[in-house]
C-alpha atoms as a PDB file:
ATOM      1  CA  MET A   1     -11.856   3.299  10.077  1.00  0.00           C
ATOM      2  CA  GLU A   2     -12.755   2.776  13.666  1.00  0.00           C
ATOM      3  CA  ASP A   3     -16.259   2.817  12.741  1.00  0.00           C
ATOM      4  CA  GLY A   4     -15.939  -0.210  10.555  1.00  0.00           C
ATOM      5  CA  ILE A   5     -16.414   1.950   7.697  1.00  0.00           C
ATOM      6  CA  VAL A   6     -13.606   3.132   4.948  1.00  0.00           C
ATOM      7  CA  THR A   7     -14.514   6.550   3.504  1.00  0.00           C
ATOM      8  CA  GLU A   8     -13.003   7.921   0.279  1.00  0.00           C
ATOM      9  CA  GLN A   9     -11.635  10.928   2.372  1.00  0.00           C
ATOM     10  CA  GLU A  10      -9.909   7.983   4.728  1.00  0.00           C
ATOM     11  CA  ILE A  11      -8.313   6.485   1.700  1.00  0.00           C
ATOM     12  CA  LYS A  12      -7.256   9.810   0.356  1.00  0.00           C
ATOM     13  CA  GLU A  13      -5.469  10.758   3.667  1.00  0.00           C
ATOM     14  CA  GLN A  14      -3.606   7.407   3.495  1.00  0.00           C
ATOM     15  CA  ALA A  15      -2.375   7.853   0.001  1.00  0.00           C
ATOM     16  CA  GLU A  16      -1.172  11.251   1.051  1.00  0.00           C
ATOM     17  CA  ARG A  17       0.838   9.704   3.950  1.00  0.00           C
ATOM     18  CA  ILE A  18       2.285   7.263   1.655  1.00  0.00           C
ATOM     19  CA  VAL A  19       3.131   9.824  -0.851  1.00  0.00           C
ATOM     20  CA  SER A  20       4.914  12.183   2.074  1.00  0.00           C
ATOM     21  CA  ILE A  21       6.845   9.054   3.129  1.00  0.00           C
ATOM     22  CA  LEU A  22       7.947   8.377  -0.383  1.00  0.00           C
ATOM     23  CA  LYS A  23       9.232  11.901  -0.893  1.00  0.00           C
ATOM     24  CA  SER A  24      11.160  11.753   2.480  1.00  0.00           C
ATOM     25  CA  MET A  25      12.808   8.603   1.297  1.00  0.00           C
ATOM     26  CA  GLU A  26      14.068  10.299  -2.166  1.00  0.00           C
ATOM     27  CA  LYS A  27      15.750  12.932  -0.124  1.00  0.00           C
ATOM     28  CA  ASN A  28      17.353  10.484   2.358  1.00  0.00           C
ATOM     29  CA  TYR A  29      18.105   7.033   0.666  1.00  0.00           C
ATOM     30  CA  THR A  30      20.366   6.050  -1.939  1.00  0.00           C
ATOM     31  CA  GLU A  31      19.107   4.756  -5.135  1.00  0.00           C
ATOM     32  CA  GLU A  32      19.822   1.351  -4.415  1.00  0.00           C
ATOM     33  CA  GLN A  33      18.000   1.447  -1.331  1.00  0.00           C
ATOM     34  CA  GLN A  34      15.151   3.421  -2.986  1.00  0.00           C
ATOM     35  CA  ARG A  35      14.917   0.564  -5.597  1.00  0.00           C
ATOM     36  CA  GLU A  36      14.958  -2.330  -2.850  1.00  0.00           C
ATOM     37  CA  ILE A  37      12.191  -0.479  -1.096  1.00  0.00           C
ATOM     38  CA  LYS A  38      10.089  -0.072  -4.444  1.00  0.00           C
ATOM     39  CA  GLU A  39      10.525  -3.811  -5.047  1.00  0.00           C
ATOM     40  CA  LEU A  40       9.491  -4.470  -1.571  1.00  0.00           C
ATOM     41  CA  LEU A  41       6.284  -2.260  -1.687  1.00  0.00           C
ATOM     42  CA  VAL A  42       5.329  -3.681  -5.292  1.00  0.00           C
ATOM     43  CA  GLU A  43       5.769  -7.255  -3.876  1.00  0.00           C
ATOM     44  CA  ALA A  44       3.546  -6.271  -0.908  1.00  0.00           C
ATOM     45  CA  GLY A  45       0.955  -5.025  -2.929  1.00  0.00           C
ATOM     46  CA  VAL A  46       0.821  -8.192  -4.977  1.00  0.00           C
ATOM     47  CA  LEU A  47       0.579  -9.974  -1.973  1.00  0.00           C
ATOM     48  CA  PHE A  48      -2.016  -8.015  -0.681  1.00  0.00           C
ATOM     49  CA  THR A  49      -4.258  -8.127  -3.685  1.00  0.00           C
ATOM     50  CA  THR A  50      -3.677 -11.637  -4.472  1.00  0.00           C
ATOM     51  CA  SER A  51      -4.808 -12.666  -0.887  1.00  0.00           C
ATOM     52  CA  GLN A  52      -7.720 -10.223  -1.274  1.00  0.00           C
ATOM     53  CA  TYR A  53      -8.846 -12.117  -4.585  1.00  0.00           C
ATOM     54  CA  HIS A  54      -8.455 -15.342  -2.806  1.00  0.00           C
ATOM     55  CA  ALA A  55     -10.657 -14.193   0.110  1.00  0.00           C
ATOM     56  CA  LEU A  56     -13.299 -13.127  -2.266  1.00  0.00           C
ATOM     57  CA  GLN A  57     -13.093 -16.436  -4.418  1.00  0.00           C
ATOM     58  CA  SER A  58     -14.687 -18.011  -1.271  1.00  0.00           C
ATOM     59  CA  LEU A  59     -17.552 -15.961  -1.383  1.00  0.00           C
ATOM     60  CA  HIS A  60     -18.773 -17.301  -4.622  1.00  0.00           C
ATOM     61  CA  PHE A  61     -20.415 -20.733  -3.733  1.00  0.00           C
END
């Protein structure tokens, strides 16, 4: 992304990093901790998506 272009390969690599972290968490965190983290991730995803949608709305005159 340093070049200002996001490639499919970069997205794939980022997704793989996230999956790796989640697998590690499953081994090291209690079920309650995992539930809280998953809820946080979902809410962060919603915030990101809604903020991106809001930004796109400003592009429509």
